[in-house]
Amino acid sequence: ADNVTWLSSQLSARYKTLTTKRLNEIAWQIISSLQG
């Protein structure tokens, strides 16, 4: 959860119009990709 929050925060700097839900989805995709 902490990682999703941090990644979402970084992504929000680039994607200012995306919803929090969408930013969190992208954060989970990053984590999933790297973990896998």
PDB file of all heavy atoms in Angstrom:
ATOM      1  N   ALA A   1       0.840  -1.201   0.000  1.00  0.00           N
ATOM      2  CA  ALA A   1       0.000   0.000   0.000  1.00  0.00           C
ATOM      3  C   ALA A   1       0.876   1.253   0.000  1.00  0.00           C
ATOM      4  O   ALA A   1       0.592   2.219  -0.719  1.00  0.00           O
ATOM      5  CB  ALA A   1      -0.936  -0.010   1.204  1.00  0.00           C
ATOM      6  N   ASP A   2       1.950   1.237   0.778  1.00  0.00           N
ATOM      7  CA  ASP A   2       2.884   2.375   0.807  1.00  0.00           C
ATOM      8  C   ASP A   2       3.524   2.583  -0.566  1.00  0.00           C
ATOM      9  O   ASP A   2       3.705   3.717  -1.016  1.00  0.00           O
ATOM     10  CB  ASP A   2       3.983   2.154   1.850  1.00  0.00           C
ATOM     11  CG  ASP A   2       3.478   2.222   3.279  1.00  0.00           C
ATOM     12  OD1 ASP A   2       2.346   2.692   3.505  1.00  0.00           O
ATOM     13  OD2 ASP A   2       4.234   1.786   4.184  1.00  0.00           O
ATOM     14  N   ASN A   3       3.877   1.480  -1.234  1.00  0.00           N
ATOM     15  CA  ASN A   3       4.487   1.578  -2.557  1.00  0.00           C
ATOM     16  C   ASN A   3       3.501   2.143  -3.577  1.00  0.00           C
ATOM     17  O   ASN A   3       3.881   2.960  -4.414  1.00  0.00           O
ATOM     18  CB  ASN A   3       4.998   0.207  -3.007  1.00  0.00           C
ATOM     19  CG  ASN A   3       6.367  -0.104  -2.465  1.00  0.00           C
ATOM     20  OD1 ASN A   3       7.349  -0.091  -3.172  1.00  0.00           O
ATOM     21  ND2 ASN A   3       6.443  -0.381  -1.162  1.00  0.00           N
ATOM     22  N   VAL A   4       2.258   1.710  -3.510  1.00  0.00           N
ATOM     23  CA  VAL A   4       1.238   2.238  -4.415  1.00  0.00           C
ATOM     24  C   VAL A   4       1.066   3.733  -4.191  1.00  0.00           C
ATOM     25  O   VAL A   4       1.016   4.516  -5.149  1.00  0.00           O
ATOM     26  CB  VAL A   4      -0.106   1.486  -4.241  1.00  0.00           C
ATOM     27  CG1 VAL A   4      -1.242   2.215  -4.953  1.00  0.00           C
ATOM     28  CG2 VAL A   4       0.017   0.065  -4.770  1.00  0.00           C
ATOM     29  N   THR A   5       1.030   4.149  -2.952  1.00  0.00           N
ATOM     30  CA  THR A   5       0.889   5.578  -2.633  1.00  0.00           C
ATOM     31  C   THR A   5       2.063   6.368  -3.200  1.00  0.00           C
ATOM     32  O   THR A   5       1.879   7.422  -3.832  1.00  0.00           O
ATOM     33  CB  THR A   5       0.783   5.775  -1.107  1.00  0.00           C
ATOM     34  OG1 THR A   5      -0.378   5.087  -0.642  1.00  0.00           O
ATOM     35  CG2 THR A   5       0.702   7.242  -0.742  1.00  0.00           C
ATOM     36  N   TRP A   6       3.278   5.867  -2.998  1.00  0.00           N
ATOM     37  CA  TRP A   6       4.459   6.577  -3.484  1.00  0.00           C
ATOM     38  C   TRP A   6       4.466   6.650  -5.008  1.00  0.00           C
ATOM     39  O   TRP A   6       4.682   7.720  -5.592  1.00  0.00           O
ATOM     40  CB  TRP A   6       5.738   5.920  -2.967  1.00  0.00           C
ATOM     41  CG  TRP A   6       6.968   6.698  -3.312  1.00  0.00           C
ATOM     42  CD1 TRP A   6       7.498   7.738  -2.617  1.00  0.00           C
ATOM     43  CD2 TRP A   6       7.800   6.527  -4.476  1.00  0.00           C
ATOM     44  NE1 TRP A   6       8.620   8.224  -3.266  1.00  0.00           N
ATOM     45  CE2 TRP A   6       8.819   7.495  -4.410  1.00  0.00           C
ATOM     46  CE3 TRP A   6       7.786   5.652  -5.554  1.00  0.00           C
ATOM     47  CZ2 TRP A   6       9.809   7.608  -5.380  1.00  0.00           C
ATOM     48  CZ3 TRP A   6       8.777   5.768  -6.528  1.00  0.00           C
ATOM     49  CH2 TRP A   6       9.773   6.741  -6.431  1.00  0.00           C
ATOM     50  N   LEU A   7       4.230   5.516  -5.655  1.00  0.00           N
ATOM     51  CA  LEU A   7       4.236   5.496  -7.123  1.00  0.00           C
ATOM     52  C   LEU A   7       3.136   6.391  -7.689  1.00  0.00           C
ATOM     53  O   LEU A   7       3.368   7.131  -8.644  1.00  0.00           O
ATOM     54  CB  LEU A   7       4.071   4.063  -7.642  1.00  0.00           C
ATOM     55  CG  LEU A   7       5.304   3.175  -7.522  1.00  0.00           C
ATOM     56  CD1 LEU A   7       4.928   1.712  -7.712  1.00  0.00           C
ATOM     57  CD2 LEU A   7       6.376   3.586  -8.517  1.00  0.00           C
ATOM     58  N   SER A   8       1.953   6.334  -7.099  1.00  0.00           N
ATOM     59  CA  SER A   8       0.848   7.179  -7.566  1.00  0.00           C
ATOM     60  C   SER A   8       1.210   8.651  -7.462  1.00  0.00           C
ATOM     61  O   SER A   8       0.879   9.449  -8.351  1.00  0.00           O
ATOM     62  CB  SER A   8      -0.419   6.895  -6.759  1.00  0.00           C
ATOM     63  OG  SER A   8      -0.866   5.584  -6.995  1.00  0.00           O
ATOM     64  N   SER A   9       1.899   9.000  -6.408  1.00  0.00           N
ATOM     65  CA  SER A   9       2.332  10.385  -6.223  1.00  0.00           C
ATOM     66  C   SER A   9       3.296  10.806  -7.332  1.00  0.00           C
ATOM     67  O   SER A   9       3.197  11.916  -7.866  1.00  0.00           O
ATOM     68  CB  SER A   9       3.000  10.523  -4.853  1.00  0.00           C
ATOM     69  OG  SER A   9       3.563  11.798  -4.702  1.00  0.00           O
ATOM     70  N   GLN A  10       4.210   9.924  -7.697  1.00  0.00           N
ATOM     71  CA  GLN A  10       5.170  10.240  -8.760  1.00  0.00           C
ATOM     72  C   GLN A  10       4.455  10.353 -10.106  1.00  0.00           C
ATOM     73  O   GLN A  10       4.741  11.253 -10.905  1.00  0.00           O
ATOM     74  CB  GLN A  10       6.278   9.183  -8.844  1.00  0.00           C
ATOM     75  CG  GLN A  10       6.992   8.872  -7.549  1.00  0.00           C
ATOM     76  CD  GLN A  10       7.283  10.082  -6.691  1.00  0.00           C
ATOM     77  OE1 GLN A  10       7.833  11.080  -7.151  1.00  0.00           O
ATOM     78  NE2 GLN A  10       6.904  10.009  -5.424  1.00  0.00           N
ATOM     79  N   LEU A  11       3.529   9.438 -10.341  1.00  0.00           N
ATOM     80  CA  LEU A  11       2.788   9.448 -11.603  1.00  0.00           C
ATOM     81  C   LEU A  11       1.895  10.679 -11.725  1.00  0.00           C
ATOM     82  O   LEU A  11       1.688  11.186 -12.834  1.00  0.00           O
ATOM     83  CB  LEU A  11       1.945   8.172 -11.720  1.00  0.00           C
ATOM     84  CG  LEU A  11       2.729   6.866 -11.859  1.00  0.00           C
ATOM     85  CD1 LEU A  11       1.808   5.676 -11.625  1.00  0.00           C
ATOM     86  CD2 LEU A  11       3.417   6.783 -13.210  1.00  0.00           C
ATOM     87  N   SER A  12       1.375  11.156 -10.615  1.00  0.00           N
ATOM     88  CA  SER A  12       0.481  12.318 -10.659  1.00  0.00           C
ATOM     89  C   SER A  12       1.197  13.572 -11.150  1.00  0.00           C
ATOM     90  O   SER A  12       0.563  14.479 -11.686  1.00  0.00           O
ATOM     91  CB  SER A  12      -0.162  12.562  -9.296  1.00  0.00           C
ATOM     92  OG  SER A  12       0.784  13.027  -8.366  1.00  0.00           O
ATOM     93  N   ALA A  13       2.523  13.602 -11.007  1.00  0.00           N
ATOM     94  CA  ALA A  13       3.289  14.745 -11.516  1.00  0.00           C
ATOM     95  C   ALA A  13       3.241  14.797 -13.042  1.00  0.00           C
ATOM     96  O   ALA A  13       3.298  15.875 -13.634  1.00  0.00           O
ATOM     97  CB  ALA A  13       4.735  14.649 -11.046  1.00  0.00           C
ATOM     98  N   ARG A  14       3.108  13.650 -13.660  1.00  0.00           N
ATOM     99  CA  ARG A  14       3.056  13.575 -15.123  1.00  0.00           C
ATOM    100  C   ARG A  14       1.619  13.567 -15.641  1.00  0.00           C
ATOM    101  O   ARG A  14       1.309  14.185 -16.638  1.00  0.00           O
ATOM    102  CB  ARG A  14       3.785  12.302 -15.587  1.00  0.00           C
ATOM    103  CG  ARG A  14       3.559  11.898 -17.023  1.00  0.00           C
ATOM    104  CD  ARG A  14       4.403  12.732 -17.966  1.00  0.00           C
ATOM    105  NE  ARG A  14       4.523  12.091 -19.253  1.00  0.00           N
ATOM    106  CZ  ARG A  14       3.981  12.568 -20.361  1.00  0.00           C
ATOM    107  NH1 ARG A  14       3.311  13.681 -20.342  1.00  0.00           N
ATOM    108  NH2 ARG A  14       4.151  11.938 -21.493  1.00  0.00           N
ATOM    109  N   TYR A  15       0.776  12.843 -14.954  1.00  0.00           N
ATOM    110  CA  TYR A  15      -0.598  12.640 -15.408  1.00  0.00           C
ATOM    111  C   TYR A  15      -1.569  13.339 -14.468  1.00  0.00           C
ATOM    112  O   TYR A  15      -2.271  12.704 -13.690  1.00  0.00           O
ATOM    113  CB  TYR A  15      -0.906  11.137 -15.502  1.00  0.00           C
ATOM    114  CG  TYR A  15       0.082  10.409 -16.368  1.00  0.00           C
ATOM    115  CD1 TYR A  15       1.025   9.549 -15.819  1.00  0.00           C
ATOM    116  CD2 TYR A  15       0.093  10.608 -17.747  1.00  0.00           C
ATOM    117  CE1 TYR A  15       1.947   8.893 -16.620  1.00  0.00           C
ATOM    118  CE2 TYR A  15       1.011   9.958 -18.558  1.00  0.00           C
ATOM    119  CZ  TYR A  15       1.938   9.099 -17.981  1.00  0.00           C
ATOM    120  OH  TYR A  15       2.852   8.467 -18.776  1.00  0.00           O
ATOM    121  N   LYS A  16      -1.622  14.636 -14.576  1.00  0.00           N
ATOM    122  CA  LYS A  16      -2.405  15.458 -13.661  1.00  0.00           C
ATOM    123  C   LYS A  16      -3.918  15.260 -13.804  1.00  0.00           C
ATOM    124  O   LYS A  16      -4.662  15.516 -12.870  1.00  0.00           O
ATOM    125  CB  LYS A  16      -2.046  16.925 -13.863  1.00  0.00           C
ATOM    126  CG  LYS A  16      -0.593  17.233 -13.519  1.00  0.00           C
ATOM    127  CD  LYS A  16      -0.279  18.680 -13.759  1.00  0.00           C
ATOM    128  CE  LYS A  16       1.147  19.084 -13.573  1.00  0.00           C
ATOM    129  NZ  LYS A  16       2.050  18.301 -12.851  1.00  0.00           N
ATOM    130  N   THR A  17      -4.358  14.764 -14.950  1.00  0.00           N
ATOM    131  CA  THR A  17      -5.796  14.616 -15.171  1.00  0.00           C
ATOM    132  C   THR A  17      -6.321  13.224 -14.806  1.00  0.00           C
ATOM    133  O   THR A  17      -7.533  13.009 -14.809  1.00  0.00           O
ATOM    134  CB  THR A  17      -6.158  14.902 -16.650  1.00  0.00           C
ATOM    135  OG1 THR A  17      -5.476  13.966 -17.486  1.00  0.00           O
ATOM    136  CG2 THR A  17      -5.795  16.337 -17.020  1.00  0.00           C
ATOM    137  N   LEU A  18      -5.436  12.297 -14.498  1.00  0.00           N
ATOM    138  CA  LEU A  18      -5.892  10.947 -14.150  1.00  0.00           C
ATOM    139  C   LEU A  18      -6.462  10.919 -12.736  1.00  0.00           C
ATOM    140  O   LEU A  18      -5.981  11.614 -11.842  1.00  0.00           O
ATOM    141  CB  LEU A  18      -4.742   9.940 -14.259  1.00  0.00           C
ATOM    142  CG  LEU A  18      -4.188   9.689 -15.668  1.00  0.00           C
ATOM    143  CD1 LEU A  18      -3.077   8.646 -15.601  1.00  0.00           C
ATOM    144  CD2 LEU A  18      -5.270   9.256 -16.635  1.00  0.00           C
ATOM    145  N   THR A  19      -7.453  10.089 -12.557  1.00  0.00           N
ATOM    146  CA  THR A  19      -8.054   9.936 -11.235  1.00  0.00           C
ATOM    147  C   THR A  19      -7.103   9.172 -10.309  1.00  0.00           C
ATOM    148  O   THR A  19      -6.195   8.466 -10.773  1.00  0.00           O
ATOM    149  CB  THR A  19      -9.373   9.148 -11.316  1.00  0.00           C
ATOM    150  OG1 THR A  19      -9.080   7.816 -11.749  1.00  0.00           O
ATOM    151  CG2 THR A  19     -10.368   9.826 -12.259  1.00  0.00           C
ATOM    152  N   THR A  20      -7.335   9.296  -9.036  1.00  0.00           N
ATOM    153  CA  THR A  20      -6.543   8.549  -8.048  1.00  0.00           C
ATOM    154  C   THR A  20      -6.667   7.052  -8.304  1.00  0.00           C
ATOM    155  O   THR A  20      -5.676   6.320  -8.226  1.00  0.00           O
ATOM    156  CB  THR A  20      -7.008   8.891  -6.621  1.00  0.00           C
ATOM    157  OG1 THR A  20      -6.855  10.296  -6.426  1.00  0.00           O
ATOM    158  CG2 THR A  20      -6.226   8.124  -5.577  1.00  0.00           C
ATOM    159  N   LYS A  21      -7.876   6.625  -8.630  1.00  0.00           N
ATOM    160  CA  LYS A  21      -8.100   5.202  -8.920  1.00  0.00           C
ATOM    161  C   LYS A  21      -7.219   4.744 -10.078  1.00  0.00           C
ATOM    162  O   LYS A  21      -6.566   3.698 -10.009  1.00  0.00           O
ATOM    163  CB  LYS A  21      -9.575   4.958  -9.245  1.00  0.00           C
ATOM    164  CG  LYS A  21      -9.906   3.506  -9.535  1.00  0.00           C
ATOM    165  CD  LYS A  21     -11.401   3.347  -9.829  1.00  0.00           C
ATOM    166  CE  LYS A  21     -11.778   1.902  -9.985  1.00  0.00           C
ATOM    167  NZ  LYS A  21     -11.728   1.385 -11.307  1.00  0.00           N
ATOM    168  N   ARG A  22      -7.177   5.535 -11.140  1.00  0.00           N
ATOM    169  CA  ARG A  22      -6.370   5.157 -12.318  1.00  0.00           C
ATOM    170  C   ARG A  22      -4.878   5.201 -11.986  1.00  0.00           C
ATOM    171  O   ARG A  22      -4.128   4.317 -12.398  1.00  0.00           O
ATOM    172  CB  ARG A  22      -6.691   6.087 -13.501  1.00  0.00           C
ATOM    173  CG  ARG A  22      -5.925   5.768 -14.752  1.00  0.00           C
ATOM    174  CD  ARG A  22      -6.302   4.417 -15.325  1.00  0.00           C
ATOM    175  NE  ARG A  22      -5.526   4.163 -16.535  1.00  0.00           N
ATOM    176  CZ  ARG A  22      -4.854   3.039 -16.759  1.00  0.00           C
ATOM    177  NH1 ARG A  22      -4.895   2.052 -15.886  1.00  0.00           N
ATOM    178  NH2 ARG A  22      -4.162   2.890 -17.862  1.00  0.00           N
ATOM    179  N   LEU A  23      -4.446   6.187 -11.241  1.00  0.00           N
ATOM    180  CA  LEU A  23      -3.036   6.260 -10.834  1.00  0.00           C
ATOM    181  C   LEU A  23      -2.663   5.040  -9.995  1.00  0.00           C
ATOM    182  O   LEU A  23      -1.582   4.459 -10.174  1.00  0.00           O
ATOM    183  CB  LEU A  23      -2.768   7.548 -10.055  1.00  0.00           C
ATOM    184  CG  LEU A  23      -2.850   8.847 -10.858  1.00  0.00           C
ATOM    185  CD1 LEU A  23      -2.835  10.044  -9.912  1.00  0.00           C
ATOM    186  CD2 LEU A  23      -1.720   8.932 -11.867  1.00  0.00           C
ATOM    187  N   ASN A  24      -3.555   4.628  -9.104  1.00  0.00           N
ATOM    188  CA  ASN A  24      -3.296   3.439  -8.284  1.00  0.00           C
ATOM    189  C   ASN A  24      -3.235   2.181  -9.145  1.00  0.00           C
ATOM    190  O   ASN A  24      -2.402   1.299  -8.899  1.00  0.00           O
ATOM    191  CB  ASN A  24      -4.369   3.280  -7.210  1.00  0.00           C
ATOM    192  CG  ASN A  24      -4.231   4.302  -6.101  1.00  0.00           C
ATOM    193  OD1 ASN A  24      -3.221   4.986  -5.971  1.00  0.00           O
ATOM    194  ND2 ASN A  24      -5.273   4.429  -5.296  1.00  0.00           N
ATOM    195  N   GLU A  25      -4.089   2.085 -10.147  1.00  0.00           N
ATOM    196  CA  GLU A  25      -4.049   0.930 -11.056  1.00  0.00           C
ATOM    197  C   GLU A  25      -2.706   0.854 -11.779  1.00  0.00           C
ATOM    198  O   GLU A  25      -2.118  -0.224 -11.910  1.00  0.00           O
ATOM    199  CB  GLU A  25      -5.182   1.016 -12.081  1.00  0.00           C
ATOM    200  CG  GLU A  25      -6.554   0.800 -11.507  1.00  0.00           C
ATOM    201  CD  GLU A  25      -7.684   1.134 -12.476  1.00  0.00           C
ATOM    202  OE1 GLU A  25      -7.421   1.715 -13.557  1.00  0.00           O
ATOM    203  OE2 GLU A  25      -8.837   0.826 -12.136  1.00  0.00           O
ATOM    204  N   ILE A  26      -2.231   1.984 -12.245  1.00  0.00           N
ATOM    205  CA  ILE A  26      -0.931   2.017 -12.935  1.00  0.00           C
ATOM    206  C   ILE A  26       0.186   1.659 -11.954  1.00  0.00           C
ATOM    207  O   ILE A  26       1.108   0.913 -12.299  1.00  0.00           O
ATOM    208  CB  ILE A  26      -0.691   3.392 -13.591  1.00  0.00           C
ATOM    209  CG1 ILE A  26      -1.742   3.653 -14.675  1.00  0.00           C
ATOM    210  CG2 ILE A  26       0.728   3.469 -14.174  1.00  0.00           C
ATOM    211  CD1 ILE A  26      -1.791   5.093 -15.160  1.00  0.00           C
ATOM    212  N   ALA A  27       0.100   2.161 -10.736  1.00  0.00           N
ATOM    213  CA  ALA A  27       1.105   1.826  -9.718  1.00  0.00           C
ATOM    214  C   ALA A  27       1.137   0.319  -9.475  1.00  0.00           C
ATOM    215  O   ALA A  27       2.216  -0.281  -9.390  1.00  0.00           O
ATOM    216  CB  ALA A  27       0.807   2.580  -8.428  1.00  0.00           C
ATOM    217  N   TRP A  28      -0.031  -0.296  -9.362  1.00  0.00           N
ATOM    218  CA  TRP A  28      -0.087  -1.757  -9.182  1.00  0.00           C
ATOM    219  C   TRP A  28       0.511  -2.482 -10.384  1.00  0.00           C
ATOM    220  O   TRP A  28       1.171  -3.520 -10.231  1.00  0.00           O
ATOM    221  CB  TRP A  28      -1.522  -2.224  -8.929  1.00  0.00           C
ATOM    222  CG  TRP A  28      -1.941  -2.093  -7.503  1.00  0.00           C
ATOM    223  CD1 TRP A  28      -2.919  -1.276  -7.003  1.00  0.00           C
ATOM    224  CD2 TRP A  28      -1.396  -2.784  -6.371  1.00  0.00           C
ATOM    225  NE1 TRP A  28      -3.007  -1.418  -5.642  1.00  0.00           N
ATOM    226  CE2 TRP A  28      -2.089  -2.348  -5.224  1.00  0.00           C
ATOM    227  CE3 TRP A  28      -0.389  -3.734  -6.207  1.00  0.00           C
ATOM    228  CZ2 TRP A  28      -1.809  -2.815  -3.938  1.00  0.00           C
ATOM    229  CZ3 TRP A  28      -0.109  -4.202  -4.934  1.00  0.00           C
ATOM    230  CH2 TRP A  28      -0.816  -3.743  -3.819  1.00  0.00           C
ATOM    231  N   GLN A  29       0.304  -1.957 -11.587  1.00  0.00           N
ATOM    232  CA  GLN A  29       0.895  -2.570 -12.781  1.00  0.00           C
ATOM    233  C   GLN A  29       2.417  -2.503 -12.728  1.00  0.00           C
ATOM    234  O   GLN A  29       3.108  -3.461 -13.099  1.00  0.00           O
ATOM    235  CB  GLN A  29       0.368  -1.892 -14.050  1.00  0.00           C
ATOM    236  CG  GLN A  29      -1.088  -2.209 -14.322  1.00  0.00           C
ATOM    237  CD  GLN A  29      -1.662  -1.369 -15.454  1.00  0.00           C
ATOM    238  OE1 GLN A  29      -1.017  -0.469 -15.994  1.00  0.00           O
ATOM    239  NE2 GLN A  29      -2.898  -1.665 -15.814  1.00  0.00           N
ATOM    240  N   ILE A  30       2.945  -1.386 -12.264  1.00  0.00           N
ATOM    241  CA  ILE A  30       4.400  -1.246 -12.129  1.00  0.00           C
ATOM    242  C   ILE A  30       4.923  -2.275 -11.131  1.00  0.00           C
ATOM    243  O   ILE A  30       5.881  -3.003 -11.413  1.00  0.00           O
ATOM    244  CB  ILE A  30       4.773   0.188 -11.684  1.00  0.00           C
ATOM    245  CG1 ILE A  30       4.455   1.192 -12.788  1.00  0.00           C
ATOM    246  CG2 ILE A  30       6.255   0.258 -11.285  1.00  0.00           C
ATOM    247  CD1 ILE A  30       4.512   2.648 -12.340  1.00  0.00           C
ATOM    248  N   ILE A  31       4.297  -2.336  -9.973  1.00  0.00           N
ATOM    249  CA  ILE A  31       4.729  -3.283  -8.941  1.00  0.00           C
ATOM    250  C   ILE A  31       4.627  -4.713  -9.453  1.00  0.00           C
ATOM    251  O   ILE A  31       5.569  -5.502  -9.301  1.00  0.00           O
ATOM    252  CB  ILE A  31       3.905  -3.096  -7.651  1.00  0.00           C
ATOM    253  CG1 ILE A  31       4.204  -1.738  -7.013  1.00  0.00           C
ATOM    254  CG2 ILE A  31       4.178  -4.231  -6.660  1.00  0.00           C
ATOM    255  CD1 ILE A  31       3.232  -1.331  -5.916  1.00  0.00           C
ATOM    256  N   SER A  32       3.502  -5.045 -10.064  1.00  0.00           N
ATOM    257  CA  SER A  32       3.295  -6.406 -10.569  1.00  0.00           C
ATOM    258  C   SER A  32       4.351  -6.775 -11.605  1.00  0.00           C
ATOM    259  O   SER A  32       4.896  -7.882 -11.583  1.00  0.00           O
ATOM    260  CB  SER A  32       1.903  -6.540 -11.191  1.00  0.00           C
ATOM    261  OG  SER A  32       0.913  -6.288 -10.244  1.00  0.00           O
ATOM    262  N   SER A  33       4.628  -5.857 -12.511  1.00  0.00           N
ATOM    263  CA  SER A  33       5.626  -6.115 -13.553  1.00  0.00           C
ATOM    264  C   SER A  33       7.009  -6.360 -12.953  1.00  0.00           C
ATOM    265  O   SER A  33       7.699  -7.307 -13.327  1.00  0.00           O
ATOM    266  CB  SER A  33       5.699  -4.941 -14.530  1.00  0.00           C
ATOM    267  OG  SER A  33       4.490  -4.797 -15.232  1.00  0.00           O
ATOM    268  N   LEU A  34       7.393  -5.501 -12.032  1.00  0.00           N
ATOM    269  CA  LEU A  34       8.732  -5.628 -11.444  1.00  0.00           C
ATOM    270  C   LEU A  34       8.843  -6.846 -10.536  1.00  0.00           C
ATOM    271  O   LEU A  34       9.864  -7.550 -10.570  1.00  0.00           O
ATOM    272  CB  LEU A  34       9.096  -4.349 -10.698  1.00  0.00           C
ATOM    273  CG  LEU A  34       9.262  -3.110 -11.583  1.00  0.00           C
ATOM    274  CD1 LEU A  34       9.450  -1.868 -10.732  1.00  0.00           C
ATOM    275  CD2 LEU A  34      10.415  -3.284 -12.566  1.00  0.00           C
ATOM    276  N   GLN A  35       7.814  -7.109  -9.743  1.00  0.00           N
ATOM    277  CA  GLN A  35       7.844  -8.290  -8.869  1.00  0.00           C
ATOM    278  C   GLN A  35       7.918  -9.566  -9.708  1.00  0.00           C
ATOM    279  O   GLN A  35       8.717 -10.463  -9.426  1.00  0.00           O
ATOM    280  CB  GLN A  35       6.602  -8.334  -7.961  1.00  0.00           C
ATOM    281  CG  GLN A  35       6.593  -7.316  -6.864  1.00  0.00           C
ATOM    282  CD  GLN A  35       7.538  -7.631  -5.725  1.00  0.00           C
ATOM    283  OE1 GLN A  35       8.017  -8.738  -5.555  1.00  0.00           O
ATOM    284  NE2 GLN A  35       7.817  -6.621  -4.920  1.00  0.00           N
ATOM    285  N   GLY A  36       7.080  -9.645 -10.733  1.00  0.00           N
ATOM    286  CA  GLY A  36       7.073 -10.832 -11.592  1.00  0.00           C
ATOM    287  C   GLY A  36       8.389 -11.009 -12.333  1.00  0.00           C
ATOM    288  O   GLY A  36       8.933 -12.119 -12.401  1.00  0.00           O
TER     289      GLY A  36
END
